C-alpha atoms as a PDB file:
ATOM      1  CA  ARG A   1     103.760  37.791  20.316  1.00  0.00           C
ATOM      2  CA  ARG A   2     104.887  40.879  18.408  1.00  0.00           C
ATOM      3  CA  LEU A   3     105.196  42.862  21.637  1.00  0.00           C
ATOM      4  CA  ILE A   4     106.994  40.015  23.383  1.00  0.00           C
ATOM      5  CA  GLU A   5     109.494  39.790  20.517  1.00  0.00           C
ATOM      6  CA  ARG A   6     110.205  43.516  20.858  1.00  0.00           C
ATOM      7  CA  GLY A   7     110.890  43.168  24.566  1.00  0.00           C
ATOM      8  CA  SER A   8     108.333  45.711  25.720  1.00  0.00           C
ATOM      9  CA  HIS A   9     106.383  43.532  28.100  1.00  0.00           C
ATOM     10  CA  TRP A  10     106.536  42.771  31.798  1.00  0.00           C
ATOM     11  CA  LEU A  11     105.165  39.884  33.828  1.00  0.00           C
ATOM     12  CA  ALA A  12     103.862  39.805  37.410  1.00  0.00           C
ATOM     13  CA  GLU A  13     104.247  36.546  39.294  1.00  0.00           C
ATOM     14  CA  ASP A  14     102.809  35.262  42.550  1.00  0.00           C
ATOM     15  CA  ALA A  15     104.914  33.934  45.446  1.00  0.00           C
ATOM     16  CA  ASP A  16     105.157  30.555  43.684  1.00  0.00           C
ATOM     17  CA  GLY A  17     106.472  32.095  40.465  1.00  0.00           C
ATOM     18  CA  GLN A  18     103.197  31.620  38.599  1.00  0.00           C
ATOM     19  CA  PRO A  19     102.188  34.385  36.171  1.00  0.00           C
ATOM     20  CA  VAL A  20      99.276  36.460  37.459  1.00  0.00           C
ATOM     21  CA  GLY A  21      99.464  39.560  35.285  1.00  0.00           C
ATOM     22  CA  PHE A  22     101.253  41.374  32.501  1.00  0.00           C
ATOM     23  CA  LEU A  23     101.758  44.682  30.781  1.00  0.00           C
ATOM     24  CA  ALA A  24     102.414  44.775  27.028  1.00  0.00           C
ATOM     25  CA  ALA A  25     103.562  48.004  25.400  1.00  0.00           C
ATOM     26  CA  GLU A  26     104.816  49.284  22.087  1.00  0.00           C
ATOM     27  CA  ARG A  27     107.090  52.172  21.176  1.00  0.00           C
ATOM     28  CA  CYS A  28     105.308  54.642  18.881  1.00  0.00           C
ATOM     29  CA  ALA A  29     107.728  57.402  17.848  1.00  0.00           C
ATOM     30  CA  ASP A  30     108.637  59.122  21.133  1.00  0.00           C
ATOM     31  CA  GLU A  31     105.854  57.583  23.208  1.00  0.00           C
ATOM     32  CA  LEU A  32     105.369  54.185  24.812  1.00  0.00           C
ATOM     33  CA  HIS A  33     101.842  52.935  24.164  1.00  0.00           C
ATOM     34  CA  ILE A  34     100.375  50.495  26.678  1.00  0.00           C
ATOM     35  CA  ALA A  35      98.529  47.955  24.584  1.00  0.00           C
ATOM     36  CA  GLU A  36      97.288  45.942  27.547  1.00  0.00           C
ATOM     37  CA  LEU A  37      97.586  45.712  31.318  1.00  0.00           C
ATOM     38  CA  SER A  38      95.902  42.732  32.933  1.00  0.00           C
ATOM     39  CA  ILE A  39      95.982  41.248  36.426  1.00  0.00           C
ATOM     40  CA  ALA A  40      94.181  38.022  37.339  1.00  0.00           C
ATOM     41  CA  GLN A  41      91.120  38.877  39.418  1.00  0.00           C
ATOM     42  CA  ALA A  42      92.316  36.910  42.467  1.00  0.00           C
ATOM     43  CA  HIS A  43      95.485  39.048  42.519  1.00  0.00           C
ATOM     44  CA  GLN A  44      93.981  42.488  42.011  1.00  0.00           C
ATOM     45  CA  GLN A  45      94.110  45.199  44.686  1.00  0.00           C
ATOM     46  CA  GLN A  46      97.655  44.166  45.659  1.00  0.00           C
ATOM     47  CA  GLY A  47      99.593  46.826  43.770  1.00  0.00           C
ATOM     48  CA  LEU A  48     100.682  44.570  40.912  1.00  0.00           C
ATOM     49  CA  GLY A  49      99.234  46.797  38.196  1.00  0.00           C
ATOM     50  CA  ARG A  50     100.871  49.846  39.739  1.00  0.00           C
ATOM     51  CA  ARG A  51     104.232  48.052  39.882  1.00  0.00           C
ATOM     52  CA  LEU A  52     103.959  46.946  36.258  1.00  0.00           C
ATOM     53  CA  LEU A  53     103.217  50.541  35.262  1.00  0.00           C
ATOM     54  CA  GLU A  54     106.224  51.718  37.262  1.00  0.00           C
ATOM     55  CA  ARG A  55     108.396  49.295  35.265  1.00  0.00           C
ATOM     56  CA  ALA A  56     106.959  50.665  32.016  1.00  0.00           C
ATOM     57  CA  VAL A  57     107.674  54.240  33.149  1.00  0.00           C
ATOM     58  CA  THR A  58     111.270  53.297  34.011  1.00  0.00           C
ATOM     59  CA  TYR A  59     111.657  51.687  30.583  1.00  0.00           C
ATOM     60  CA  ALA A  60     110.119  54.726  28.883  1.00  0.00           C
ATOM     61  CA  HIS A  61     112.507  57.082  30.684  1.00  0.00           C
ATOM     62  CA  ALA A  62     115.506  54.928  29.746  1.00  0.00           C
ATOM     63  CA  SER A  63     114.259  54.798  26.153  1.00  0.00           C
ATOM     64  CA  HIS A  64     113.931  58.600  26.024  1.00  0.00           C
ATOM     65  CA  CYS A  65     110.161  58.536  25.544  1.00  0.00           C
ATOM     66  CA  ARG A  66     108.297  61.736  26.314  1.00  0.00           C
ATOM     67  CA  ALA A  67     105.046  60.064  27.415  1.00  0.00           C
ATOM     68  CA  LEU A  68     103.066  56.884  27.946  1.00  0.00           C
ATOM     69  CA  THR A  69      99.703  56.526  26.229  1.00  0.00           C
ATOM     70  CA  LEU A  70      96.805  54.106  26.335  1.00  0.00           C
ATOM     71  CA  THR A  71      93.131  53.680  25.561  1.00  0.00           C
ATOM     72  CA  THR A  72      90.783  52.303  28.175  1.00  0.00           C
ATOM     73  CA  PHE A  73      87.242  52.210  29.502  1.00  0.00           C
ATOM     74  CA  CYS A  74      86.230  55.638  30.785  1.00  0.00           C
ATOM     75  CA  ASP A  75      84.098  54.704  33.767  1.00  0.00           C
ATOM     76  CA  VAL A  76      85.278  51.269  34.916  1.00  0.00           C
ATOM     77  CA  PRO A  77      86.964  51.940  38.309  1.00  0.00           C
ATOM     78  CA  TRP A  78      90.037  49.822  37.575  1.00  0.00           C
ATOM     79  CA  ASN A  79      90.484  51.482  34.165  1.00  0.00           C
ATOM     80  CA  ALA A  80      90.501  55.268  33.548  1.00  0.00           C
ATOM     81  CA  PRO A  81      90.059  56.222  37.240  1.00  0.00           C
ATOM     82  CA  PHE A  82      92.976  53.909  38.167  1.00  0.00           C
ATOM     83  CA  TYR A  83      95.245  55.469  35.541  1.00  0.00           C
ATOM     84  CA  ALA A  84      94.156  58.981  36.558  1.00  0.00           C
ATOM     85  CA  ARG A  85      95.257  58.278  40.134  1.00  0.00           C
ATOM     86  CA  LEU A  86      98.701  57.465  38.717  1.00  0.00           C
ATOM     87  CA  GLY A  87      98.961  60.751  36.829  1.00  0.00           C
ATOM     88  CA  PHE A  88      97.509  59.914  33.418  1.00  0.00           C
ATOM     89  CA  GLN A  89      95.401  62.672  31.893  1.00  0.00           C
ATOM     90  CA  ARG A  90      92.277  61.944  29.881  1.00  0.00           C
ATOM     91  CA  LEU A  91      92.554  63.429  26.403  1.00  0.00           C
ATOM     92  CA  THR A  92      89.903  65.140  24.329  1.00  0.00           C
ATOM     93  CA  TRP A  93      89.406  63.896  20.769  1.00  0.00           C
ATOM     94  CA  GLN A  94      91.542  66.783  19.489  1.00  0.00           C
ATOM     95  CA  GLU A  95      94.300  66.225  22.075  1.00  0.00           C
ATOM     96  CA  ALA A  96      94.467  62.493  21.341  1.00  0.00           C
ATOM     97  CA  GLY A  97      96.152  62.987  17.988  1.00  0.00           C
ATOM     98  CA  GLU A  98      95.892  60.869  14.880  1.00  0.00           C
ATOM     99  CA  ARG A  99      97.397  57.640  16.299  1.00  0.00           C
ATOM    100  CA  LEU A 100      95.178  57.447  19.387  1.00  0.00           C
ATOM    101  CA  ARG A 101      92.097  58.538  17.421  1.00  0.00           C
ATOM    102  CA  ALA A 102      92.775  55.673  15.006  1.00  0.00           C
ATOM    103  CA  ILE A 103      92.941  53.215  17.915  1.00  0.00           C
ATOM    104  CA  LEU A 104      89.695  54.554  19.360  1.00  0.00           C
ATOM    105  CA  GLY A 105      88.108  54.345  15.907  1.00  0.00           C
ATOM    106  CA  HIS A 106      89.189  50.715  15.561  1.00  0.00           C
ATOM    107  CA  GLU A 107      87.748  49.945  18.997  1.00  0.00           C
ATOM    108  CA  GLN A 108      84.405  51.361  17.820  1.00  0.00           C
ATOM    109  CA  GLU A 109      84.588  49.255  14.660  1.00  0.00           C
ATOM    110  CA  ILE A 110      84.967  46.080  16.714  1.00  0.00           C
ATOM    111  CA  GLY A 111      81.965  46.909  18.866  1.00  0.00           C
ATOM    112  CA  PHE A 112      82.889  49.222  21.734  1.00  0.00           C
ATOM    113  CA  ALA A 113      80.511  52.132  22.266  1.00  0.00           C
ATOM    114  CA  ALA A 114      82.186  55.428  21.343  1.00  0.00           C
ATOM    115  CA  ASP A 115      81.455  57.016  24.716  1.00  0.00           C
ATOM    116  CA  SER A 116      82.765  54.017  26.677  1.00  0.00           C
ATOM    117  CA  ARG A 117      86.424  54.415  25.677  1.00  0.00           C
ATOM    118  CA  CYS A 118      88.969  57.191  26.114  1.00  0.00           C
ATOM    119  CA  ALA A 119      92.608  57.949  25.390  1.00  0.00           C
ATOM    120  CA  MET A 120      94.996  58.919  28.177  1.00  0.00           C
ATOM    121  CA  ARG A 121      98.569  60.211  28.390  1.00  0.00           C
ATOM    122  CA  LEU A 122     101.197  60.393  31.136  1.00  0.00           C
ATOM    123  CA  VAL A 123     103.784  63.021  30.264  1.00  0.00           C
ATOM    124  CA  LEU A 124     107.271  62.132  31.512  1.00  0.00           C
END
C-alpha cells in the first residue's frame, strides 16, 4: 500500500483488463529500487515483465534517478538471469552498498539462504 500511495507502481493487464502482473518500486535517494515484480504464471513469457521494467526505467529517467536496483534469487532463470539480459549487473557485497546489504541481511533473517540472493543494479 505504501508503494501504491507513492505512485511508484505499474500494473499489467490482460486483453480483458484483468490484472495479471505488477511492478512496485520505491525511490531511495537517487535510485529507484524495485521492491517486487510479479507476473501471473499463465501470462509469463509474453514480455509483460520486460514492459513493466521499461516503464520503471522511463519513470526513473524522468525522476532523475541514476540507477535502478533490486534484490533477487541468483539462479532462478526468471530472476537474476532475466534481469542480467536486460542490462542489470550483479553486485558484489562491497559494491552493493549499505542499503542493499541491509535488504539482503533482512532477507537472510526471514529465512532465505545467503547464497541464494543477490543485489543488482542497472545504471541509467
